[in-house]
Amino acid sequence: MTSNTDTIEPDESATKRTRRDYLTYGGAVALGGLLAGCTGGDAESDPTGSDGNGTDSTDGGSGDSDDSTADDAGDESYTASISPVGEVTFESPPETAFTRLTHHADMAFALGRGDGITAMHAPDYYDGLWNQFVERLPGVSLDWSGLYSSWEPDKEKLYELDSDVHLADPAWVTQVEGWDREDIDEVAERVSPWFGNSLSDRHQEPAPEWADDYEYYGLWEQFELVAEAFDERERYEALAAVHEELLGTIEVRLPPEEERPTAVMIAAADIEEIYAYTLSNPGFLTSHTRPLGPRDAFEGSVESGTVVDFETILDADPDVILYLGGMEPGTDMAGRRAAFEGDPVGSEVTAVRNDRIHPQGARYQGPILNLFQLEMTAKQLYPDAFGEWPRYEEGPYPEIPEEERLFDRERVAEVINDGA
């Protein structure tokens, strides 16, 4: 693995005094080492006063014994578990988090740790995209610009970042050139634990060394586990209640299947290479489209992620085209529509003729983006049932009249900023 001259060498980092004392793993990543979380006399406890997984993380009532301080410190520890990592014991809630993919960054943001993110993939791009949505959460701010870009993380950089937890899937990280299981164990032991799952995105097959312990999670299932790692049960439950209410609204208003439009999601920097994505396949990438049940315009003939052309799209003739990344500030949605309208084949597609090419945000969504994308996609697919989606060309998420909103922005903002 390439090292940087300005980073801390692994042996130096392992011997220097850090905020972490001991880490206990009880699952797939089995090793000795350091306990996760922030330790010492000034360590902050869970701001919500809740425990991540039902164990007692409050003061155990030590009385006046001489070792009461040690007892109290021990009582603050708690455990959380996720596949493929297994069980991790935290001495106190993490304050900083390394992430690789944005579903994990959004989870930390939802739990009030947005400012504690130390790394993520394409931080400037996703900072711009996420802030298009955050604009509609009163009093909430987000700044991921300038963070370390972690798509191909450098191990020595992880020592330098010294994050309290690595919200990333070790089974995916070991697919990156230069990383193996020994590197994963070393970082967990000498820096902080791994705690993440990413192959649930579309139920990807893990490498054989991870396969026996690998489980797939829905987006909100994984968010619950991450909330346990941060000892933020109450924040999770508050946001999950908003999500459940939104799903209930969708279920009640959703038209019968035979009345639903055909749809496809695409991504394209230009019309020469168009990627098509289906909307109901397993995994959290479709957690904002699968509950809405649109009909697959390709009728199973095109696999998700296939490169298609205008002829293929016209053969499918979708009623609605969802344009991935269309909400990103640098995307010219007017120009993308014009590319279809100006092509003799593309202009014949029903979605183009009826002006139903709509923007999307990101598939690697966490809970906050998922709420917005469920609302926007419901309106884009079923305007008669959920209210009209404004024609979007640029700027932040449109200002939806309060009576037409499908979830409570103020409540979500309150949970992010102040806890449950």
Protein backbone atom coordinates (compact mmCIF):
# COMPACT_ATOMS: atom_id res chain seq x y z
CA MET A 1 0.00 0.00 0.00
CA THR A 2 1.30 3.42 -0.91
CA SER A 3 2.37 5.50 2.04
CA ASN A 4 2.57 9.26 2.33
CA THR A 5 5.56 11.01 3.83
CA ASP A 6 3.36 13.26 5.93
CA THR A 7 1.34 10.47 7.54
CA ILE A 8 1.98 8.73 10.85
CA GLU A 9 3.77 5.44 10.43
CA PRO A 10 1.82 2.43 11.78
CA ASP A 11 4.33 1.53 14.49
CA GLU A 12 4.44 5.12 15.75
CA SER A 13 0.65 5.31 15.85
CA ALA A 14 0.38 2.00 17.67
CA THR A 15 2.63 3.16 20.49
CA LYS A 16 1.36 6.71 20.93
CA ARG A 17 -1.29 7.39 23.58
CA THR A 18 -4.78 7.62 22.07
CA ARG A 19 -8.33 8.07 23.32
CA ARG A 20 -8.96 4.34 22.92
CA ASP A 21 -7.83 1.76 25.45
CA TYR A 22 -9.30 -1.62 24.49
CA LEU A 23 -11.32 -3.11 21.66
CA THR A 24 -13.23 -6.35 21.97
CA TYR A 25 -14.43 -8.24 18.92
CA GLY A 26 -16.67 -11.25 19.22
CA GLY A 27 -17.33 -12.13 15.59
CA ALA A 28 -15.81 -12.46 12.16
CA VAL A 29 -12.97 -10.00 12.72
CA ALA A 30 -11.34 -11.73 15.69
CA LEU A 31 -8.34 -10.09 17.29
CA GLY A 32 -6.94 -8.67 20.49
CA GLY A 33 -6.33 -5.00 21.00
CA LEU A 34 -7.89 -1.76 21.95
CA LEU A 35 -11.46 -0.95 23.23
CA ALA A 36 -13.40 1.39 20.94
CA GLY A 37 -14.73 4.77 21.87
CA CYS A 38 -13.47 7.82 23.67
CA THR A 39 -12.07 7.19 27.12
CA GLY A 40 -10.70 9.19 30.02
CA GLY A 41 -12.24 11.46 32.62
CA ASP A 42 -13.69 13.92 30.11
CA ALA A 43 -15.41 11.37 27.91
CA GLU A 44 -18.96 12.34 27.08
CA SER A 45 -21.78 9.87 27.51
CA ASP A 46 -24.71 9.32 25.16
CA PRO A 47 -26.53 12.67 24.86
CA THR A 48 -29.89 10.94 24.68
CA GLY A 49 -29.24 8.91 27.82
CA SER A 50 -30.10 5.72 25.96
CA ASP A 51 -28.19 2.55 25.33
CA GLY A 52 -27.58 1.21 21.87
CA ASN A 53 -28.69 -2.37 22.35
CA GLY A 54 -30.66 -2.65 25.54
CA THR A 55 -27.78 -3.21 27.94
CA ASP A 56 -27.50 -0.93 30.95
CA SER A 57 -25.09 1.87 30.05
CA THR A 58 -26.02 4.15 32.95
CA ASP A 59 -24.47 4.52 36.38
CA GLY A 60 -24.77 1.24 38.21
CA GLY A 61 -25.18 2.84 41.66
CA SER A 62 -21.71 2.38 43.11
CA GLY A 63 -22.23 4.03 46.49
CA ASP A 64 -19.18 5.36 48.36
CA SER A 65 -16.58 2.70 47.60
CA ASP A 66 -13.03 3.80 46.80
CA ASP A 67 -13.20 2.20 43.35
CA SER A 68 -16.50 3.82 42.37
CA THR A 69 -14.87 5.80 39.55
CA ALA A 70 -13.54 2.66 37.93
CA ASP A 71 -16.91 0.96 38.33
CA ASP A 72 -18.70 3.89 36.73
CA ALA A 73 -16.30 3.89 33.78
CA GLY A 74 -16.83 0.17 33.31
CA ASP A 75 -20.61 0.55 33.42
CA GLU A 76 -20.52 2.94 30.46
CA SER A 77 -19.36 0.23 28.06
CA TYR A 78 -21.86 -1.36 25.70
CA THR A 79 -21.83 -3.68 22.72
CA ALA A 80 -23.11 -3.55 19.17
CA SER A 81 -22.98 -6.14 16.43
CA ILE A 82 -23.09 -6.13 12.65
CA SER A 83 -22.16 -8.57 9.90
CA PRO A 84 -19.46 -9.20 8.80
CA VAL A 85 -17.63 -7.64 11.76
CA GLY A 86 -19.37 -9.37 14.64
CA GLU A 87 -19.74 -7.96 18.14
CA VAL A 88 -17.82 -4.85 19.19
CA THR A 89 -17.57 -3.43 22.70
CA PHE A 90 -17.51 0.36 22.95
CA GLU A 91 -16.35 2.14 26.09
CA SER A 92 -18.22 5.29 25.05
CA PRO A 93 -19.99 6.57 21.93
CA PRO A 94 -17.71 7.38 18.98
CA GLU A 95 -17.33 11.07 18.17
CA THR A 96 -15.49 10.75 14.84
CA ALA A 97 -16.08 8.28 12.03
CA PHE A 98 -14.23 7.23 8.91
CA THR A 99 -16.64 6.36 6.10
CA ARG A 100 -16.16 5.08 2.59
CA LEU A 101 -19.66 5.16 1.13
CA THR A 102 -22.38 7.72 1.62
CA HIS A 103 -25.01 5.46 3.17
CA HIS A 104 -22.76 5.29 6.23
CA ALA A 105 -21.93 9.00 6.17
CA ASP A 106 -25.65 9.82 6.08
CA MET A 107 -26.27 7.50 9.03
CA ALA A 108 -23.67 9.31 11.12
CA PHE A 109 -25.17 12.63 10.01
CA ALA A 110 -28.64 11.48 11.06
CA LEU A 111 -27.26 10.59 14.49
CA GLY A 112 -25.87 14.09 15.02
CA ARG A 113 -22.31 13.17 13.98
CA GLY A 114 -22.19 14.94 10.61
CA ASP A 115 -19.31 17.14 11.76
CA GLY A 116 -17.40 14.09 12.99
CA ILE A 117 -16.97 12.49 9.56
CA THR A 118 -13.24 12.23 8.78
CA ALA A 119 -13.37 10.69 5.29
CA MET A 120 -15.74 9.63 2.52
CA HIS A 121 -15.78 8.85 -1.19
CA ALA A 122 -15.87 11.95 -3.44
CA PRO A 123 -16.50 14.34 -0.54
CA ASP A 124 -16.91 17.53 -2.57
CA TYR A 125 -19.40 15.93 -4.96
CA TYR A 126 -21.51 14.44 -2.19
CA ASP A 127 -21.26 17.55 -0.03
CA GLY A 128 -22.89 19.46 -2.88
CA LEU A 129 -25.52 16.80 -3.49
CA TRP A 130 -26.50 16.27 0.16
CA ASN A 131 -26.77 19.99 0.79
CA GLN A 132 -29.42 20.22 -1.92
CA PHE A 133 -31.63 18.26 0.47
CA VAL A 134 -30.30 19.59 3.80
CA GLU A 135 -31.39 23.05 2.63
CA ARG A 136 -34.95 21.97 3.50
CA LEU A 137 -34.14 20.94 7.08
CA PRO A 138 -34.47 24.10 9.20
CA GLY A 139 -31.40 24.87 11.27
CA VAL A 140 -29.39 21.90 10.00
CA SER A 141 -26.00 22.36 8.36
CA LEU A 142 -23.56 19.99 6.71
CA ASP A 143 -20.00 20.45 5.46
CA TRP A 144 -18.15 17.48 3.99
CA SER A 145 -16.04 19.51 1.58
CA GLY A 146 -12.30 18.92 1.65
CA LEU A 147 -12.42 15.62 3.56
CA TYR A 148 -10.08 12.76 2.71
CA SER A 149 -11.46 10.89 -0.31
CA SER A 150 -11.57 7.25 0.78
CA TRP A 151 -12.63 5.22 -2.24
CA GLU A 152 -9.19 3.57 -2.25
CA PRO A 153 -8.09 4.24 1.33
CA ASP A 154 -4.44 4.35 2.30
CA LYS A 155 -3.81 2.40 5.49
CA GLU A 156 -1.32 4.91 6.88
CA LYS A 157 -3.89 7.66 6.31
CA LEU A 158 -6.29 5.81 8.62
CA TYR A 159 -3.66 6.02 11.35
CA GLU A 160 -3.37 9.74 10.74
CA LEU A 161 -7.13 10.32 10.78
CA ASP A 162 -7.35 8.39 14.07
CA SER A 163 -11.13 8.01 13.80
CA ASP A 164 -13.10 6.56 16.70
CA VAL A 165 -14.83 4.06 14.40
CA HIS A 166 -14.53 2.97 10.77
CA LEU A 167 -18.05 2.94 9.32
CA ALA A 168 -17.07 0.78 6.38
CA ASP A 169 -17.46 -2.83 5.34
CA PRO A 170 -14.19 -4.74 5.80
CA ALA A 171 -15.37 -7.34 3.29
CA TRP A 172 -15.56 -4.60 0.66
CA VAL A 173 -12.36 -2.84 1.71
CA THR A 174 -10.40 -6.06 1.19
CA GLN A 175 -11.48 -5.92 -2.47
CA VAL A 176 -9.36 -2.78 -2.83
CA GLU A 177 -5.88 -3.43 -4.17
CA GLY A 178 -3.32 -3.58 -1.38
CA TRP A 179 -5.74 -4.53 1.40
CA ASP A 180 -6.11 -7.94 2.99
CA ARG A 181 -7.56 -9.43 6.17
CA GLU A 182 -4.36 -8.73 8.10
CA ASP A 183 -4.63 -5.02 7.27
CA ILE A 184 -8.24 -4.98 8.46
CA ASP A 185 -7.27 -6.61 11.76
CA GLU A 186 -4.32 -4.26 12.21
CA VAL A 187 -6.43 -1.13 11.80
CA ALA A 188 -9.11 -2.51 14.13
CA GLU A 189 -6.51 -3.32 16.79
CA ARG A 190 -4.33 -0.25 16.54
CA VAL A 191 -6.76 2.50 15.52
CA SER A 192 -10.45 1.65 15.99
CA PRO A 193 -13.00 -0.97 14.97
CA TRP A 194 -14.72 -1.51 11.67
CA PHE A 195 -18.50 -1.35 11.81
CA GLY A 196 -20.31 -1.38 8.50
CA ASN A 197 -22.02 -3.39 5.80
CA SER A 198 -22.01 -2.41 2.12
CA LEU A 199 -22.54 -5.58 0.09
CA SER A 200 -26.19 -5.32 1.09
CA ASP A 201 -26.37 -2.59 -1.56
CA ARG A 202 -27.53 -5.08 -4.18
CA HIS A 203 -26.83 -8.32 -2.31
CA GLN A 204 -23.37 -8.74 -3.74
CA GLU A 205 -21.53 -11.98 -3.13
CA PRO A 206 -18.72 -11.55 -0.59
CA ALA A 207 -15.30 -13.09 -1.04
CA PRO A 208 -15.07 -16.68 0.28
CA GLU A 209 -13.19 -15.61 3.42
CA TRP A 210 -16.21 -13.49 4.47
CA ALA A 211 -19.05 -15.58 3.07
CA ASP A 212 -19.83 -17.73 6.13
CA ASP A 213 -20.54 -14.73 8.37
CA TYR A 214 -22.13 -12.36 5.88
CA GLU A 215 -25.71 -11.14 6.28
CA TYR A 216 -27.73 -8.72 4.18
CA TYR A 217 -29.60 -5.82 5.77
CA GLY A 218 -32.22 -3.38 4.64
CA LEU A 219 -31.24 0.28 4.87
CA TRP A 220 -33.15 0.98 8.06
CA GLU A 221 -32.14 -2.34 9.59
CA GLN A 222 -28.50 -1.36 9.19
CA PHE A 223 -29.20 2.15 10.46
CA GLU A 224 -30.54 0.62 13.66
CA LEU A 225 -27.30 -1.34 14.14
CA VAL A 226 -25.17 1.75 13.47
CA ALA A 227 -27.29 3.68 15.97
CA GLU A 228 -26.49 1.01 18.53
CA ALA A 229 -22.78 1.48 17.83
CA PHE A 230 -23.19 5.20 18.60
CA ASP A 231 -25.47 4.48 21.58
CA GLU A 232 -28.23 6.50 19.90
CA ARG A 233 -31.28 4.26 20.26
CA GLU A 234 -33.68 7.17 20.86
CA ARG A 235 -32.50 9.10 17.80
CA TYR A 236 -32.93 6.00 15.66
CA GLU A 237 -36.44 5.32 16.99
CA ALA A 238 -37.51 8.91 16.39
CA LEU A 239 -36.37 8.85 12.75
CA ALA A 240 -37.70 5.32 12.22
CA ALA A 241 -41.13 6.57 13.35
CA VAL A 242 -41.02 9.28 10.66
CA HIS A 243 -40.02 6.64 8.10
CA GLU A 244 -42.79 4.25 9.14
CA GLU A 245 -45.38 7.01 8.90
CA LEU A 246 -44.14 7.87 5.41
CA LEU A 247 -44.32 4.23 4.32
CA GLY A 248 -47.83 4.04 5.75
CA THR A 249 -48.89 7.07 3.69
CA ILE A 250 -47.41 5.48 0.57
CA GLU A 251 -49.15 2.18 1.19
CA VAL A 252 -52.55 3.80 1.62
CA ARG A 253 -52.33 6.00 -1.48
CA LEU A 254 -50.47 3.71 -3.87
CA PRO A 255 -52.54 2.96 -6.99
CA PRO A 256 -53.31 -0.64 -8.00
CA GLU A 257 -50.43 -2.32 -9.83
CA GLU A 258 -52.17 -2.28 -13.19
CA GLU A 259 -52.49 1.53 -12.97
CA ARG A 260 -48.85 2.18 -12.15
CA PRO A 261 -46.45 3.68 -14.71
CA THR A 262 -43.52 1.88 -16.27
CA ALA A 263 -40.22 3.40 -15.23
CA VAL A 264 -36.46 3.12 -15.45
CA MET A 265 -33.59 4.89 -13.70
CA ILE A 266 -30.61 6.03 -15.76
CA ALA A 267 -27.25 7.65 -15.16
CA ALA A 268 -25.23 9.31 -17.90
CA ALA A 269 -22.58 11.97 -18.10
CA ASP A 270 -23.46 12.20 -21.81
CA ILE A 271 -25.77 10.39 -24.21
CA GLU A 272 -22.96 8.21 -25.53
CA GLU A 273 -22.97 5.97 -22.44
CA ILE A 274 -26.25 5.54 -20.60
CA TYR A 275 -26.44 3.18 -17.61
CA ALA A 276 -29.86 1.73 -16.82
CA TYR A 277 -30.94 0.62 -13.36
CA THR A 278 -34.01 -1.39 -12.44
CA LEU A 279 -36.08 -0.21 -9.49
CA SER A 280 -37.16 -3.24 -7.49
CA ASN A 281 -34.16 -5.56 -7.22
CA PRO A 282 -33.02 -6.55 -3.70
CA GLY A 283 -30.72 -4.30 -1.71
CA PHE A 284 -30.73 -0.86 -0.14
CA LEU A 285 -29.94 0.89 -3.44
CA THR A 286 -33.64 0.57 -4.27
CA SER A 287 -34.94 1.45 -0.81
CA HIS A 288 -36.65 4.56 -2.22
CA THR A 289 -38.12 2.98 -5.36
CA ARG A 290 -39.02 -0.57 -4.33
CA PRO A 291 -41.73 0.53 -1.83
CA LEU A 292 -43.40 2.51 -4.63
CA GLY A 293 -43.72 -0.51 -6.93
CA PRO A 294 -43.43 1.01 -10.41
CA ARG A 295 -43.52 -1.45 -13.28
CA ASP A 296 -40.16 -2.32 -14.83
CA ALA A 297 -40.08 -0.77 -18.29
CA PHE A 298 -37.59 -3.40 -19.44
CA GLU A 299 -39.76 -6.27 -18.14
CA GLY A 300 -36.68 -8.09 -16.89
CA SER A 301 -34.83 -8.01 -20.20
CA VAL A 302 -32.11 -5.61 -19.00
CA GLU A 303 -30.04 -6.19 -15.90
CA SER A 304 -29.42 -3.30 -13.53
CA GLY A 305 -26.22 -1.44 -14.44
CA THR A 306 -26.36 -2.32 -18.15
CA VAL A 307 -25.23 0.25 -20.72
CA VAL A 308 -28.13 1.00 -23.09
CA ASP A 309 -28.79 3.31 -26.03
CA PHE A 310 -31.80 5.35 -27.15
CA GLU A 311 -33.09 2.44 -29.23
CA THR A 312 -33.16 0.16 -26.19
CA ILE A 313 -34.92 2.80 -24.13
CA LEU A 314 -37.47 3.39 -26.90
CA ASP A 315 -38.13 -0.36 -27.14
CA ALA A 316 -38.93 -0.31 -23.41
CA ASP A 317 -40.75 3.03 -23.81
CA PRO A 318 -40.97 3.99 -20.11
CA ASP A 319 -43.65 6.35 -18.87
CA VAL A 320 -41.13 7.86 -16.42
CA ILE A 321 -37.36 8.25 -16.55
CA LEU A 322 -35.56 8.89 -13.25
CA TYR A 323 -32.20 10.59 -13.83
CA LEU A 324 -29.65 9.55 -11.19
CA GLY A 325 -27.53 12.46 -9.94
CA GLY A 326 -29.88 15.00 -11.45
CA MET A 327 -30.07 16.86 -8.13
CA GLU A 328 -26.29 17.38 -7.96
CA PRO A 329 -25.41 21.09 -8.38
CA GLY A 330 -23.13 20.47 -11.35
CA THR A 331 -25.73 18.50 -13.33
CA ASP A 332 -27.49 20.34 -16.16
CA MET A 333 -30.96 18.79 -16.05
CA ALA A 334 -32.23 21.10 -18.79
CA GLY A 335 -29.36 19.95 -20.99
CA ARG A 336 -30.01 16.28 -20.19
CA ARG A 337 -33.65 16.65 -21.20
CA ALA A 338 -32.63 18.52 -24.35
CA ALA A 339 -30.31 15.65 -25.33
CA PHE A 340 -33.31 13.30 -25.41
CA GLU A 341 -35.60 15.83 -27.07
CA GLY A 342 -33.05 16.59 -29.79
CA ASP A 343 -32.47 12.97 -30.75
CA PRO A 344 -34.78 11.47 -33.39
CA VAL A 345 -35.07 8.23 -31.42
CA GLY A 346 -34.90 9.57 -27.85
CA SER A 347 -37.58 12.15 -28.59
CA GLU A 348 -40.09 9.38 -29.30
CA VAL A 349 -39.89 7.90 -25.78
CA THR A 350 -43.16 8.41 -23.89
CA ALA A 351 -41.44 9.88 -20.84
CA VAL A 352 -39.71 12.45 -23.06
CA ARG A 353 -42.84 13.40 -24.96
CA ASN A 354 -44.77 13.84 -21.70
CA ASP A 355 -41.97 15.78 -19.95
CA ARG A 356 -41.48 13.10 -17.30
CA ILE A 357 -37.71 12.97 -17.00
CA HIS A 358 -37.13 13.66 -13.32
CA PRO A 359 -33.98 14.11 -11.20
CA GLN A 360 -32.80 11.76 -8.50
CA GLY A 361 -30.16 12.06 -5.82
CA ALA A 362 -28.04 9.01 -4.96
CA ARG A 363 -28.58 5.29 -4.59
CA TYR A 364 -26.07 4.98 -1.73
CA GLN A 365 -28.48 6.77 0.54
CA GLY A 366 -28.74 6.84 4.29
CA PRO A 367 -31.90 7.53 6.30
CA ILE A 368 -32.11 11.28 5.67
CA LEU A 369 -31.70 11.09 1.91
CA ASN A 370 -34.06 8.12 1.88
CA LEU A 371 -36.88 10.19 3.40
CA PHE A 372 -36.49 12.90 0.78
CA GLN A 373 -36.12 10.43 -2.08
CA LEU A 374 -39.20 8.46 -1.05
CA GLU A 375 -41.18 11.70 -1.12
CA MET A 376 -39.77 12.99 -4.40
CA THR A 377 -40.06 9.66 -6.20
CA ALA A 378 -43.64 9.17 -4.99
CA LYS A 379 -44.54 12.54 -6.51
CA GLN A 380 -42.59 11.85 -9.70
CA LEU A 381 -44.31 8.51 -10.27
CA TYR A 382 -47.79 9.25 -8.89
CA PRO A 383 -48.57 12.98 -8.97
CA ASP A 384 -52.31 12.36 -8.69
CA ALA A 385 -51.85 10.40 -5.47
CA PHE A 386 -49.02 12.32 -3.77
CA GLY A 387 -49.05 15.78 -5.31
CA GLU A 388 -47.24 17.25 -8.29
CA TRP A 389 -43.43 17.24 -8.42
CA PRO A 390 -42.26 20.67 -9.64
CA ARG A 391 -40.30 20.72 -12.89
CA TYR A 392 -36.71 20.80 -11.66
CA GLU A 393 -33.70 22.21 -13.49
CA GLU A 394 -31.35 23.47 -10.77
CA GLY A 395 -31.04 24.55 -7.16
CA PRO A 396 -31.94 22.86 -3.88
CA TYR A 397 -34.75 20.40 -3.34
CA PRO A 398 -37.94 22.23 -4.34
CA GLU A 399 -39.96 23.96 -1.66
CA ILE A 400 -43.01 21.69 -1.32
CA PRO A 401 -46.14 23.30 0.18
CA GLU A 402 -46.52 22.11 3.75
CA GLU A 403 -49.85 20.41 3.10
CA GLU A 404 -48.26 18.37 0.29
CA ARG A 405 -45.20 17.17 2.22
CA LEU A 406 -45.02 13.47 3.02
CA PHE A 407 -42.82 13.80 6.12
CA ASP A 408 -42.17 16.35 8.85
CA ARG A 409 -38.99 18.34 8.10
CA GLU A 410 -39.04 20.08 11.46
CA ARG A 411 -39.13 16.80 13.36
CA VAL A 412 -36.22 15.37 11.35
CA ALA A 413 -34.19 18.54 11.90
CA GLU A 414 -34.92 18.44 15.61
CA VAL A 415 -33.67 14.86 15.90
CA ILE A 416 -30.47 15.59 13.98
CA ASN A 417 -29.66 18.75 15.93
CA ASP A 418 -30.98 18.02 19.41
CA GLY A 419 -31.62 14.31 19.69
CA ALA A 420 -34.95 12.63 20.25
